[in-house]
Amino acid sequence: MTDSSTELTPEQLQETANTLLKLTAHLRSGPAPEHALALTAVLLDEDHGVLARLSEALRATSRYLVQQAPVPWTPQVQHAVQWLTLAANDIQDWTILHFDVSQLRTDAVLSQSPS
């Protein structure tokens, strides 16, 4: 049984992916460094950023498979659980970039105009 407040559609997730596509296009257009870093900081936030949320979603998918798959697991289920968990861990590791972006945002070099 699912809570109606947590129900999602593939279309809603596609909208999220499209937002990331727009962000990529925007960053390629050459916005001010402060603006680009502010947007990137939101993505990389170690607690609430996209990487943290994607990692959580992959772990939740893995847990769901563990709970729902009949025992004994098929090789496909075992493979999926292992790779979802590995991917979640790898993605979570990338949140370390949060600290690099935070440092850049406070770095005076980026606030200076090129000569």
PDB file of N, CA and C in Angstrom:
ATOM      1  N   MET A   1       0.845  -1.176   0.000  1.00  0.00           N
ATOM      2  CA  MET A   1       0.000   0.000   0.000  1.00  0.00           C
ATOM      3  C   MET A   1       0.894   1.244   0.000  1.00  0.00           C
ATOM      4  N   THR A   2       0.572   2.185  -0.885  1.00  0.00           N
ATOM      5  CA  THR A   2       1.381   3.393  -0.959  1.00  0.00           C
ATOM      6  C   THR A   2       0.604   4.588  -0.449  1.00  0.00           C
ATOM      7  N   ASP A   3       1.319   5.517   0.089  1.00  0.00           N
ATOM      8  CA  ASP A   3       0.756   6.773   0.567  1.00  0.00           C
ATOM      9  C   ASP A   3       0.558   7.674  -0.648  1.00  0.00           C
ATOM     10  N   SER A   4      -0.616   8.249  -0.817  1.00  0.00           N
ATOM     11  CA  SER A   4      -0.886   9.074  -1.996  1.00  0.00           C
ATOM     12  C   SER A   4       0.026  10.294  -2.072  1.00  0.00           C
ATOM     13  N   SER A   5       0.590  10.720  -0.936  1.00  0.00           N
ATOM     14  CA  SER A   5       1.494  11.875  -0.962  1.00  0.00           C
ATOM     15  C   SER A   5       2.869  11.508  -1.510  1.00  0.00           C
ATOM     16  N   THR A   6       3.167  10.216  -1.636  1.00  0.00           N
ATOM     17  CA  THR A   6       4.465   9.800  -2.159  1.00  0.00           C
ATOM     18  C   THR A   6       4.363   9.166  -3.538  1.00  0.00           C
ATOM     19  N   GLU A   7       3.183   9.120  -4.103  1.00  0.00           N
ATOM     20  CA  GLU A   7       3.027   8.526  -5.429  1.00  0.00           C
ATOM     21  C   GLU A   7       3.650   9.432  -6.482  1.00  0.00           C
ATOM     22  N   LEU A   8       4.343   8.809  -7.413  1.00  0.00           N
ATOM     23  CA  LEU A   8       4.986   9.532  -8.511  1.00  0.00           C
ATOM     24  C   LEU A   8       4.631   8.872  -9.824  1.00  0.00           C
ATOM     25  N   THR A   9       4.764   9.638 -10.874  1.00  0.00           N
ATOM     26  CA  THR A   9       4.561   9.098 -12.208  1.00  0.00           C
ATOM     27  C   THR A   9       5.874   9.190 -12.979  1.00  0.00           C
ATOM     28  N   PRO A  10       6.038   8.367 -13.985  1.00  0.00           N
ATOM     29  CA  PRO A  10       7.227   8.496 -14.832  1.00  0.00           C
ATOM     30  C   PRO A  10       7.344   9.897 -15.447  1.00  0.00           C
ATOM     31  N   GLU A  11       6.199  10.514 -15.717  1.00  0.00           N
ATOM     32  CA  GLU A  11       6.210  11.859 -16.291  1.00  0.00           C
ATOM     33  C   GLU A  11       6.820  12.877 -15.324  1.00  0.00           C
ATOM     34  N   GLN A  12       6.519  12.737 -14.035  1.00  0.00           N
ATOM     35  CA  GLN A  12       7.096  13.653 -13.044  1.00  0.00           C
ATOM     36  C   GLN A  12       8.608  13.496 -12.967  1.00  0.00           C
ATOM     37  N   LEU A  13       9.079  12.276 -13.019  1.00  0.00           N
ATOM     38  CA  LEU A  13      10.519  12.053 -13.003  1.00  0.00           C
ATOM     39  C   LEU A  13      11.167  12.570 -14.285  1.00  0.00           C
ATOM     40  N   GLN A  14      10.462  12.456 -15.399  1.00  0.00           N
ATOM     41  CA  GLN A  14      10.979  13.002 -16.650  1.00  0.00           C
ATOM     42  C   GLN A  14      11.093  14.517 -16.571  1.00  0.00           C
ATOM     43  N   GLU A  15      10.144  15.169 -15.900  1.00  0.00           N
ATOM     44  CA  GLU A  15      10.230  16.623 -15.696  1.00  0.00           C
ATOM     45  C   GLU A  15      11.489  16.982 -14.912  1.00  0.00           C
ATOM     46  N   THR A  16      11.824  16.178 -13.916  1.00  0.00           N
ATOM     47  CA  THR A  16      13.031  16.403 -13.135  1.00  0.00           C
ATOM     48  C   THR A  16      14.265  16.263 -14.014  1.00  0.00           C
ATOM     49  N   ALA A  17      14.279  15.221 -14.832  1.00  0.00           N
ATOM     50  CA  ALA A  17      15.403  15.029 -15.754  1.00  0.00           C
ATOM     51  C   ALA A  17      15.497  16.199 -16.735  1.00  0.00           C
ATOM     52  N   ASN A  18      14.364  16.695 -17.189  1.00  0.00           N
ATOM     53  CA  ASN A  18      14.363  17.846 -18.098  1.00  0.00           C
ATOM     54  C   ASN A  18      14.897  19.100 -17.418  1.00  0.00           C
ATOM     55  N   THR A  19      14.607  19.256 -16.131  1.00  0.00           N
ATOM     56  CA  THR A  19      15.145  20.393 -15.388  1.00  0.00           C
ATOM     57  C   THR A  19      16.664  20.320 -15.339  1.00  0.00           C
ATOM     58  N   LEU A  20      17.202  19.135 -15.139  1.00  0.00           N
ATOM     59  CA  LEU A  20      18.661  18.972 -15.145  1.00  0.00           C
ATOM     60  C   LEU A  20      19.233  19.270 -16.532  1.00  0.00           C
ATOM     61  N   LEU A  21      18.500  18.908 -17.570  1.00  0.00           N
ATOM     62  CA  LEU A  21      18.927  19.225 -18.924  1.00  0.00           C
ATOM     63  C   LEU A  21      18.965  20.740 -19.144  1.00  0.00           C
ATOM     64  N   LYS A  22      17.960  21.441 -18.639  1.00  0.00           N
ATOM     65  CA  LYS A  22      17.940  22.907 -18.724  1.00  0.00           C
ATOM     66  C   LYS A  22      19.096  23.515 -17.948  1.00  0.00           C
ATOM     67  N   LEU A  23      19.384  22.959 -16.793  1.00  0.00           N
ATOM     68  CA  LEU A  23      20.512  23.439 -15.997  1.00  0.00           C
ATOM     69  C   LEU A  23      21.809  23.286 -16.778  1.00  0.00           C
ATOM     70  N   THR A  24      21.994  22.142 -17.399  1.00  0.00           N
ATOM     71  CA  THR A  24      23.200  21.910 -18.190  1.00  0.00           C
ATOM     72  C   THR A  24      23.319  22.939 -19.300  1.00  0.00           C
ATOM     73  N   ALA A  25      22.235  23.185 -20.019  1.00  0.00           N
ATOM     74  CA  ALA A  25      22.254  24.176 -21.091  1.00  0.00           C
ATOM     75  C   ALA A  25      22.571  25.565 -20.535  1.00  0.00           C
ATOM     76  N   HIS A  26      21.988  25.883 -19.398  1.00  0.00           N
ATOM     77  CA  HIS A  26      22.228  27.188 -18.777  1.00  0.00           C
ATOM     78  C   HIS A  26      23.698  27.337 -18.394  1.00  0.00           C
ATOM     79  N   LEU A  27      24.269  26.298 -17.785  1.00  0.00           N
ATOM     80  CA  LEU A  27      25.666  26.368 -17.371  1.00  0.00           C
ATOM     81  C   LEU A  27      26.595  26.459 -18.585  1.00  0.00           C
ATOM     82  N   ARG A  28      26.211  25.844 -19.681  1.00  0.00           N
ATOM     83  CA  ARG A  28      27.013  25.934 -20.908  1.00  0.00           C
ATOM     84  C   ARG A  28      26.928  27.312 -21.549  1.00  0.00           C
ATOM     85  N   SER A  29      25.903  28.076 -21.195  1.00  0.00           N
ATOM     86  CA  SER A  29      25.730  29.411 -21.782  1.00  0.00           C
ATOM     87  C   SER A  29      26.664  30.444 -21.159  1.00  0.00           C
ATOM     88  N   GLY A  30      27.361  30.071 -20.096  1.00  0.00           N
ATOM     89  CA  GLY A  30      28.343  30.958 -19.494  1.00  0.00           C
ATOM     90  C   GLY A  30      27.781  31.966 -18.514  1.00  0.00           C
ATOM     91  N   PRO A  31      26.982  31.533 -17.536  1.00  0.00           N
ATOM     92  CA  PRO A  31      26.489  32.486 -16.534  1.00  0.00           C
ATOM     93  C   PRO A  31      27.648  32.969 -15.659  1.00  0.00           C
ATOM     94  N   ALA A  32      27.395  33.976 -14.879  1.00  0.00           N
ATOM     95  CA  ALA A  32      28.409  34.464 -13.946  1.00  0.00           C
ATOM     96  C   ALA A  32      28.849  33.305 -13.049  1.00  0.00           C
ATOM     97  N   PRO A  33      30.140  33.243 -12.731  1.00  0.00           N
ATOM     98  CA  PRO A  33      30.627  32.137 -11.899  1.00  0.00           C
ATOM     99  C   PRO A  33      29.875  32.003 -10.570  1.00  0.00           C
ATOM    100  N   GLU A  34      29.547  33.132  -9.946  1.00  0.00           N
ATOM    101  CA  GLU A  34      28.836  33.067  -8.668  1.00  0.00           C
ATOM    102  C   GLU A  34      27.483  32.386  -8.831  1.00  0.00           C
ATOM    103  N   HIS A  35      26.799  32.692  -9.941  1.00  0.00           N
ATOM    104  CA  HIS A  35      25.493  32.100 -10.209  1.00  0.00           C
ATOM    105  C   HIS A  35      25.636  30.607 -10.502  1.00  0.00           C
ATOM    106  N   ALA A  36      26.610  30.255 -11.323  1.00  0.00           N
ATOM    107  CA  ALA A  36      26.844  28.846 -11.664  1.00  0.00           C
ATOM    108  C   ALA A  36      27.166  28.039 -10.416  1.00  0.00           C
ATOM    109  N   LEU A  37      27.998  28.584  -9.554  1.00  0.00           N
ATOM    110  CA  LEU A  37      28.359  27.865  -8.333  1.00  0.00           C
ATOM    111  C   LEU A  37      27.193  27.764  -7.359  1.00  0.00           C
ATOM    112  N   ALA A  38      26.357  28.795  -7.318  1.00  0.00           N
ATOM    113  CA  ALA A  38      25.173  28.738  -6.450  1.00  0.00           C
ATOM    114  C   ALA A  38      24.235  27.613  -6.899  1.00  0.00           C
ATOM    115  N   LEU A  39      24.045  27.479  -8.210  1.00  0.00           N
ATOM    116  CA  LEU A  39      23.200  26.400  -8.729  1.00  0.00           C
ATOM    117  C   LEU A  39      23.834  25.038  -8.455  1.00  0.00           C
ATOM    118  N   THR A  40      25.123  24.955  -8.684  1.00  0.00           N
ATOM    119  CA  THR A  40      25.828  23.690  -8.472  1.00  0.00           C
ATOM    120  C   THR A  40      25.816  23.300  -6.997  1.00  0.00           C
ATOM    121  N   ALA A  41      25.906  24.281  -6.120  1.00  0.00           N
ATOM    122  CA  ALA A  41      25.880  23.986  -4.682  1.00  0.00           C
ATOM    123  C   ALA A  41      24.570  23.315  -4.288  1.00  0.00           C
ATOM    124  N   VAL A  42      23.475  23.729  -4.900  1.00  0.00           N
ATOM    125  CA  VAL A  42      22.187  23.095  -4.607  1.00  0.00           C
ATOM    126  C   VAL A  42      22.209  21.633  -5.048  1.00  0.00           C
ATOM    127  N   LEU A  43      22.783  21.366  -6.211  1.00  0.00           N
ATOM    128  CA  LEU A  43      22.868  19.990  -6.691  1.00  0.00           C
ATOM    129  C   LEU A  43      23.704  19.111  -5.770  1.00  0.00           C
ATOM    130  N   LEU A  44      24.783  19.675  -5.268  1.00  0.00           N
ATOM    131  CA  LEU A  44      25.766  18.892  -4.530  1.00  0.00           C
ATOM    132  C   LEU A  44      25.601  18.925  -3.022  1.00  0.00           C
ATOM    133  N   ASP A  45      24.595  19.624  -2.530  1.00  0.00           N
ATOM    134  CA  ASP A  45      24.398  19.693  -1.082  1.00  0.00           C
ATOM    135  C   ASP A  45      24.479  18.282  -0.500  1.00  0.00           C
ATOM    136  N   GLU A  46      25.312  18.134   0.518  1.00  0.00           N
ATOM    137  CA  GLU A  46      25.580  16.796   1.049  1.00  0.00           C
ATOM    138  C   GLU A  46      24.381  16.133   1.717  1.00  0.00           C
ATOM    139  N   ASP A  47      23.397  16.914   2.116  1.00  0.00           N
ATOM    140  CA  ASP A  47      22.221  16.344   2.771  1.00  0.00           C
ATOM    141  C   ASP A  47      20.972  16.345   1.899  1.00  0.00           C
ATOM    142  N   HIS A  48      20.819  17.380   1.063  1.00  0.00           N
ATOM    143  CA  HIS A  48      19.564  17.548   0.321  1.00  0.00           C
ATOM    144  C   HIS A  48      19.749  17.696  -1.179  1.00  0.00           C
ATOM    145  N   GLY A  49      20.969  17.543  -1.669  1.00  0.00           N
ATOM    146  CA  GLY A  49      21.248  17.712  -3.087  1.00  0.00           C
ATOM    147  C   GLY A  49      20.789  16.530  -3.922  1.00  0.00           C
ATOM    148  N   VAL A  50      20.914  16.703  -5.215  1.00  0.00           N
ATOM    149  CA  VAL A  50      20.481  15.673  -6.162  1.00  0.00           C
ATOM    150  C   VAL A  50      21.246  14.370  -5.945  1.00  0.00           C
ATOM    151  N   LEU A  51      22.548  14.471  -5.716  1.00  0.00           N
ATOM    152  CA  LEU A  51      23.323  13.246  -5.515  1.00  0.00           C
ATOM    153  C   LEU A  51      22.862  12.488  -4.269  1.00  0.00           C
ATOM    154  N   ALA A  52      22.636  13.204  -3.191  1.00  0.00           N
ATOM    155  CA  ALA A  52      22.174  12.559  -1.964  1.00  0.00           C
ATOM    156  C   ALA A  52      20.808  11.912  -2.185  1.00  0.00           C
ATOM    157  N   ARG A  53      19.919  12.629  -2.864  1.00  0.00           N
ATOM    158  CA  ARG A  53      18.570  12.093  -3.099  1.00  0.00           C
ATOM    159  C   ARG A  53      18.591  10.901  -4.054  1.00  0.00           C
ATOM    160  N   LEU A  54      19.443  10.977  -5.096  1.00  0.00           N
ATOM    161  CA  LEU A  54      19.536   9.855  -6.027  1.00  0.00           C
ATOM    162  C   LEU A  54      20.094   8.629  -5.315  1.00  0.00           C
ATOM    163  N   SER A  55      21.084   8.836  -4.489  1.00  0.00           N
ATOM    164  CA  SER A  55      21.644   7.733  -3.712  1.00  0.00           C
ATOM    165  C   SER A  55      20.570   7.096  -2.830  1.00  0.00           C
ATOM    166  N   GLU A  56      19.787   7.915  -2.158  1.00  0.00           N
ATOM    167  CA  GLU A  56      18.708   7.402  -1.310  1.00  0.00           C
ATOM    168  C   GLU A  56      17.676   6.631  -2.128  1.00  0.00           C
ATOM    169  N   ALA A  57      17.350   7.142  -3.313  1.00  0.00           N
ATOM    170  CA  ALA A  57      16.357   6.476  -4.162  1.00  0.00           C
ATOM    171  C   ALA A  57      16.864   5.117  -4.640  1.00  0.00           C
ATOM    172  N   LEU A  58      18.141   5.035  -4.987  1.00  0.00           N
ATOM    173  CA  LEU A  58      18.695   3.747  -5.411  1.00  0.00           C
ATOM    174  C   LEU A  58      18.711   2.751  -4.258  1.00  0.00           C
ATOM    175  N   ARG A  59      19.050   3.224  -3.059  1.00  0.00           N
ATOM    176  CA  ARG A  59      19.018   2.342  -1.885  1.00  0.00           C
ATOM    177  C   ARG A  59      17.589   1.864  -1.601  1.00  0.00           C
ATOM    178  N   ALA A  60      16.634   2.776  -1.743  1.00  0.00           N
ATOM    179  CA  ALA A  60      15.233   2.403  -1.523  1.00  0.00           C
ATOM    180  C   ALA A  60      14.781   1.363  -2.545  1.00  0.00           C
ATOM    181  N   THR A  61      15.224   1.498  -3.776  1.00  0.00           N
ATOM    182  CA  THR A  61      14.889   0.510  -4.806  1.00  0.00           C
ATOM    183  C   THR A  61      15.489  -0.839  -4.458  1.00  0.00           C
ATOM    184  N   SER A  62      16.731  -0.823  -4.014  1.00  0.00           N
ATOM    185  CA  SER A  62      17.390  -2.070  -3.612  1.00  0.00           C
ATOM    186  C   SER A  62      16.643  -2.728  -2.451  1.00  0.00           C
ATOM    187  N   ARG A  63      16.296  -1.926  -1.442  1.00  0.00           N
ATOM    188  CA  ARG A  63      15.546  -2.474  -0.291  1.00  0.00           C
ATOM    189  C   ARG A  63      14.203  -3.049  -0.741  1.00  0.00           C
ATOM    190  N   TYR A  64      13.537  -2.359  -1.644  1.00  0.00           N
ATOM    191  CA  TYR A  64      12.246  -2.832  -2.148  1.00  0.00           C
ATOM    192  C   TYR A  64      12.405  -4.192  -2.825  1.00  0.00           C
ATOM    193  N   LEU A  65      13.448  -4.314  -3.650  1.00  0.00           N
ATOM    194  CA  LEU A  65      13.681  -5.601  -4.307  1.00  0.00           C
ATOM    195  C   LEU A  65      13.936  -6.700  -3.277  1.00  0.00           C
ATOM    196  N   VAL A  66      14.723  -6.388  -2.260  1.00  0.00           N
ATOM    197  CA  VAL A  66      15.023  -7.369  -1.212  1.00  0.00           C
ATOM    198  C   VAL A  66      13.732  -7.807  -0.518  1.00  0.00           C
ATOM    199  N   GLN A  67      12.862  -6.860  -0.252  1.00  0.00           N
ATOM    200  CA  GLN A  67      11.613  -7.171   0.462  1.00  0.00           C
ATOM    201  C   GLN A  67      10.610  -7.908  -0.415  1.00  0.00           C
ATOM    202  N   GLN A  68      10.587  -7.611  -1.697  1.00  0.00           N
ATOM    203  CA  GLN A  68       9.539  -8.136  -2.566  1.00  0.00           C
ATOM    204  C   GLN A  68       9.923  -9.375  -3.366  1.00  0.00           C
ATOM    205  N   ALA A  69      11.199  -9.565  -3.613  1.00  0.00           N
ATOM    206  CA  ALA A  69      11.618 -10.691  -4.455  1.00  0.00           C
ATOM    207  C   ALA A  69      11.428 -12.007  -3.712  1.00  0.00           C
ATOM    208  N   PRO A  70      10.929 -12.995  -4.431  1.00  0.00           N
ATOM    209  CA  PRO A  70      10.784 -14.303  -3.782  1.00  0.00           C
ATOM    210  C   PRO A  70      12.158 -14.900  -3.467  1.00  0.00           C
ATOM    211  N   VAL A  71      12.191 -15.638  -2.369  1.00  0.00           N
ATOM    212  CA  VAL A  71      13.420 -16.304  -1.949  1.00  0.00           C
ATOM    213  C   VAL A  71      13.327 -17.744  -2.422  1.00  0.00           C
ATOM    214  N   PRO A  72      14.345 -18.339  -2.965  1.00  0.00           N
ATOM    215  CA  PRO A  72      15.668 -17.773  -3.187  1.00  0.00           C
ATOM    216  C   PRO A  72      15.649 -16.774  -4.346  1.00  0.00           C
ATOM    217  N   TRP A  73      16.530 -15.803  -4.263  1.00  0.00           N
ATOM    218  CA  TRP A  73      16.618 -14.788  -5.300  1.00  0.00           C
ATOM    219  C   TRP A  73      17.137 -15.386  -6.596  1.00  0.00           C
ATOM    220  N   THR A  74      16.611 -14.856  -7.665  1.00  0.00           N
ATOM    221  CA  THR A  74      17.167 -15.233  -8.962  1.00  0.00           C
ATOM    222  C   THR A  74      18.505 -14.505  -9.128  1.00  0.00           C
ATOM    223  N   PRO A  75      19.349 -14.972  -9.999  1.00  0.00           N
ATOM    224  CA  PRO A  75      20.607 -14.258 -10.249  1.00  0.00           C
ATOM    225  C   PRO A  75      20.371 -12.806 -10.678  1.00  0.00           C
ATOM    226  N   GLN A  76      19.290 -12.554 -11.407  1.00  0.00           N
ATOM    227  CA  GLN A  76      18.991 -11.201 -11.849  1.00  0.00           C
ATOM    228  C   GLN A  76      18.672 -10.281 -10.671  1.00  0.00           C
ATOM    229  N   VAL A  77      17.908 -10.781  -9.710  1.00  0.00           N
ATOM    230  CA  VAL A  77      17.580  -9.980  -8.524  1.00  0.00           C
ATOM    231  C   VAL A  77      18.840  -9.728  -7.715  1.00  0.00           C
ATOM    232  N   GLN A  78      19.630 -10.758  -7.498  1.00  0.00           N
ATOM    233  CA  GLN A  78      20.868 -10.601  -6.738  1.00  0.00           C
ATOM    234  C   GLN A  78      21.792  -9.586  -7.413  1.00  0.00           C
ATOM    235  N   HIS A  79      21.919  -9.677  -8.716  1.00  0.00           N
ATOM    236  CA  HIS A  79      22.751  -8.746  -9.475  1.00  0.00           C
ATOM    237  C   HIS A  79      22.231  -7.313  -9.332  1.00  0.00           C
ATOM    238  N   ALA A  80      20.923  -7.135  -9.498  1.00  0.00           N
ATOM    239  CA  ALA A  80      20.334  -5.793  -9.410  1.00  0.00           C
ATOM    240  C   ALA A  80      20.525  -5.193  -8.022  1.00  0.00           C
ATOM    241  N   VAL A  81      20.309  -5.980  -6.990  1.00  0.00           N
ATOM    242  CA  VAL A  81      20.474  -5.487  -5.612  1.00  0.00           C
ATOM    243  C   VAL A  81      21.918  -5.073  -5.375  1.00  0.00           C
ATOM    244  N   GLN A  82      22.847  -5.881  -5.805  1.00  0.00           N
ATOM    245  CA  GLN A  82      24.263  -5.554  -5.614  1.00  0.00           C
ATOM    246  C   GLN A  82      24.639  -4.272  -6.351  1.00  0.00           C
ATOM    247  N   TRP A  83      24.225  -4.145  -7.596  1.00  0.00           N
ATOM    248  CA  TRP A  83      24.619  -2.981  -8.391  1.00  0.00           C
ATOM    249  C   TRP A  83      23.893  -1.714  -7.968  1.00  0.00           C
ATOM    250  N   LEU A  84      22.643  -1.826  -7.556  1.00  0.00           N
ATOM    251  CA  LEU A  84      21.944  -0.641  -7.041  1.00  0.00           C
ATOM    252  C   LEU A  84      22.618  -0.127  -5.778  1.00  0.00           C
ATOM    253  N   THR A  85      23.003  -1.045  -4.909  1.00  0.00           N
ATOM    254  CA  THR A  85      23.671  -0.653  -3.670  1.00  0.00           C
ATOM    255  C   THR A  85      25.040  -0.054  -3.964  1.00  0.00           C
ATOM    256  N   LEU A  86      25.785  -0.660  -4.852  1.00  0.00           N
ATOM    257  CA  LEU A  86      27.093  -0.136  -5.232  1.00  0.00           C
ATOM    258  C   LEU A  86      26.966   1.250  -5.859  1.00  0.00           C
ATOM    259  N   ALA A  87      26.019   1.409  -6.754  1.00  0.00           N
ATOM    260  CA  ALA A  87      25.803   2.714  -7.394  1.00  0.00           C
ATOM    261  C   ALA A  87      25.413   3.760  -6.361  1.00  0.00           C
ATOM    262  N   ALA A  88      24.557   3.397  -5.426  1.00  0.00           N
ATOM    263  CA  ALA A  88      24.143   4.330  -4.369  1.00  0.00           C
ATOM    264  C   ALA A  88      25.343   4.782  -3.553  1.00  0.00           C
ATOM    265  N   ASN A  89      26.210   3.851  -3.211  1.00  0.00           N
ATOM    266  CA  ASN A  89      27.412   4.198  -2.440  1.00  0.00           C
ATOM    267  C   ASN A  89      28.341   5.104  -3.239  1.00  0.00           C
ATOM    268  N   ASP A  90      28.543   4.773  -4.515  1.00  0.00           N
ATOM    269  CA  ASP A  90      29.415   5.590  -5.362  1.00  0.00           C
ATOM    270  C   ASP A  90      28.870   7.007  -5.508  1.00  0.00           C
ATOM    271  N   ILE A  91      27.586   7.119  -5.733  1.00  0.00           N
ATOM    272  CA  ILE A  91      26.967   8.444  -5.895  1.00  0.00           C
ATOM    273  C   ILE A  91      27.079   9.237  -4.599  1.00  0.00           C
ATOM    274  N   GLN A  92      26.857   8.592  -3.480  1.00  0.00           N
ATOM    275  CA  GLN A  92      26.975   9.275  -2.193  1.00  0.00           C
ATOM    276  C   GLN A  92      28.394   9.794  -1.996  1.00  0.00           C
ATOM    277  N   ASP A  93      29.382   9.038  -2.448  1.00  0.00           N
ATOM    278  CA  ASP A  93      30.774   9.479  -2.336  1.00  0.00           C
ATOM    279  C   ASP A  93      31.019  10.784  -3.094  1.00  0.00           C
ATOM    280  N   TRP A  94      30.301  11.003  -4.176  1.00  0.00           N
ATOM    281  CA  TRP A  94      30.495  12.220  -4.972  1.00  0.00           C
ATOM    282  C   TRP A  94      29.995  13.473  -4.265  1.00  0.00           C
ATOM    283  N   THR A  95      29.240  13.313  -3.185  1.00  0.00           N
ATOM    284  CA  THR A  95      28.790  14.509  -2.463  1.00  0.00           C
ATOM    285  C   THR A  95      29.956  15.252  -1.836  1.00  0.00           C
ATOM    286  N   ILE A  96      31.140  14.654  -1.827  1.00  0.00           N
ATOM    287  CA  ILE A  96      32.335  15.341  -1.338  1.00  0.00           C
ATOM    288  C   ILE A  96      32.589  16.601  -2.158  1.00  0.00           C
ATOM    289  N   LEU A  97      32.096  16.628  -3.377  1.00  0.00           N
ATOM    290  CA  LEU A  97      32.239  17.820  -4.221  1.00  0.00           C
ATOM    291  C   LEU A  97      31.590  19.045  -3.586  1.00  0.00           C
ATOM    292  N   HIS A  98      30.653  18.809  -2.687  1.00  0.00           N
ATOM    293  CA  HIS A  98      29.996  19.904  -1.969  1.00  0.00           C
ATOM    294  C   HIS A  98      31.037  20.813  -1.318  1.00  0.00           C
ATOM    295  N   PHE A  99      32.047  20.218  -0.728  1.00  0.00           N
ATOM    296  CA  PHE A  99      33.071  21.008  -0.038  1.00  0.00           C
ATOM    297  C   PHE A  99      33.915  21.812  -1.022  1.00  0.00           C
ATOM    298  N   ASP A 100      34.213  21.240  -2.183  1.00  0.00           N
ATOM    299  CA  ASP A 100      34.982  21.967  -3.198  1.00  0.00           C
ATOM    300  C   ASP A 100      34.203  23.172  -3.714  1.00  0.00           C
ATOM    301  N   VAL A 101      32.930  22.973  -3.980  1.00  0.00           N
ATOM    302  CA  VAL A 101      32.105  24.074  -4.473  1.00  0.00           C
ATOM    303  C   VAL A 101      31.950  25.142  -3.401  1.00  0.00           C
ATOM    304  N   SER A 102      31.780  24.729  -2.160  1.00  0.00           N
ATOM    305  CA  SER A 102      31.681  25.702  -1.063  1.00  0.00           C
ATOM    306  C   SER A 102      32.947  26.546  -0.984  1.00  0.00           C
ATOM    307  N   GLN A 103      34.094  25.905  -1.132  1.00  0.00           N
ATOM    308  CA  GLN A 103      35.355  26.634  -1.088  1.00  0.00           C
ATOM    309  C   GLN A 103      35.460  27.606  -2.266  1.00  0.00           C
ATOM    310  N   LEU A 104      35.081  27.173  -3.444  1.00  0.00           N
ATOM    311  CA  LEU A 104      35.113  28.060  -4.611  1.00  0.00           C
ATOM    312  C   LEU A 104      34.191  29.266  -4.435  1.00  0.00           C
ATOM    313  N   ARG A 105      33.043  29.029  -3.805  1.00  0.00           N
ATOM    314  CA  ARG A 105      32.093  30.128  -3.610  1.00  0.00           C
ATOM    315  C   ARG A 105      32.652  31.198  -2.689  1.00  0.00           C
ATOM    316  N   THR A 106      33.537  30.820  -1.799  1.00  0.00           N
ATOM    317  CA  THR A 106      34.122  31.805  -0.887  1.00  0.00           C
ATOM    318  C   THR A 106      35.473  32.309  -1.387  1.00  0.00           C
ATOM    319  N   ASP A 107      35.954  31.738  -2.478  1.00  0.00           N
ATOM    320  CA  ASP A 107      37.262  32.110  -3.030  1.00  0.00           C
ATOM    321  C   ASP A 107      37.161  33.465  -3.726  1.00  0.00           C
ATOM    322  N   ALA A 108      38.005  34.394  -3.330  1.00  0.00           N
ATOM    323  CA  ALA A 108      37.979  35.749  -3.895  1.00  0.00           C
ATOM    324  C   ALA A 108      38.338  35.777  -5.373  1.00  0.00           C
ATOM    325  N   VAL A 109      39.045  34.774  -5.863  1.00  0.00           N
ATOM    326  CA  VAL A 109      39.465  34.759  -7.258  1.00  0.00           C
ATOM    327  C   VAL A 109      38.259  34.778  -8.194  1.00  0.00           C
ATOM    328  N   LEU A 110      37.201  34.057  -7.850  1.00  0.00           N
ATOM    329  CA  LEU A 110      36.045  34.013  -8.717  1.00  0.00           C
ATOM    330  C   LEU A 110      35.257  35.299  -8.734  1.00  0.00           C
ATOM    331  N   SER A 111      35.401  36.108  -7.725  1.00  0.00           N
ATOM    332  CA  SER A 111      34.651  37.351  -7.693  1.00  0.00           C
ATOM    333  C   SER A 111      35.360  38.462  -8.444  1.00  0.00           C
ATOM    334  N   GLN A 112      36.594  38.218  -8.891  1.00  0.00           N
ATOM    335  CA  GLN A 112      37.323  39.226  -9.644  1.00  0.00           C
ATOM    336  C   GLN A 112      37.043  39.058 -11.121  1.00  0.00           C
ATOM    337  N   SER A 113      36.933  40.163 -11.821  1.00  0.00           N
ATOM    338  CA  SER A 113      36.727  40.143 -13.257  1.00  0.00           C
ATOM    339  C   SER A 113      38.052  39.835 -13.946  1.00  0.00           C
ATOM    340  N   PRO A 114      37.985  39.115 -15.086  1.00  0.00           N
ATOM    341  CA  PRO A 114      39.228  38.861 -15.817  1.00  0.00           C
ATOM    342  C   PRO A 114      39.809  40.177 -16.338  1.00  0.00           C
ATOM    343  N   SER A 115      41.122  40.257 -16.370  1.00  0.00           N
ATOM    344  CA  SER A 115      41.795  41.489 -16.824  1.00  0.00           C
ATOM    345  C   SER A 115      41.905  41.515 -18.321  1.00  0.00           C
TER     346      SER A 115
END
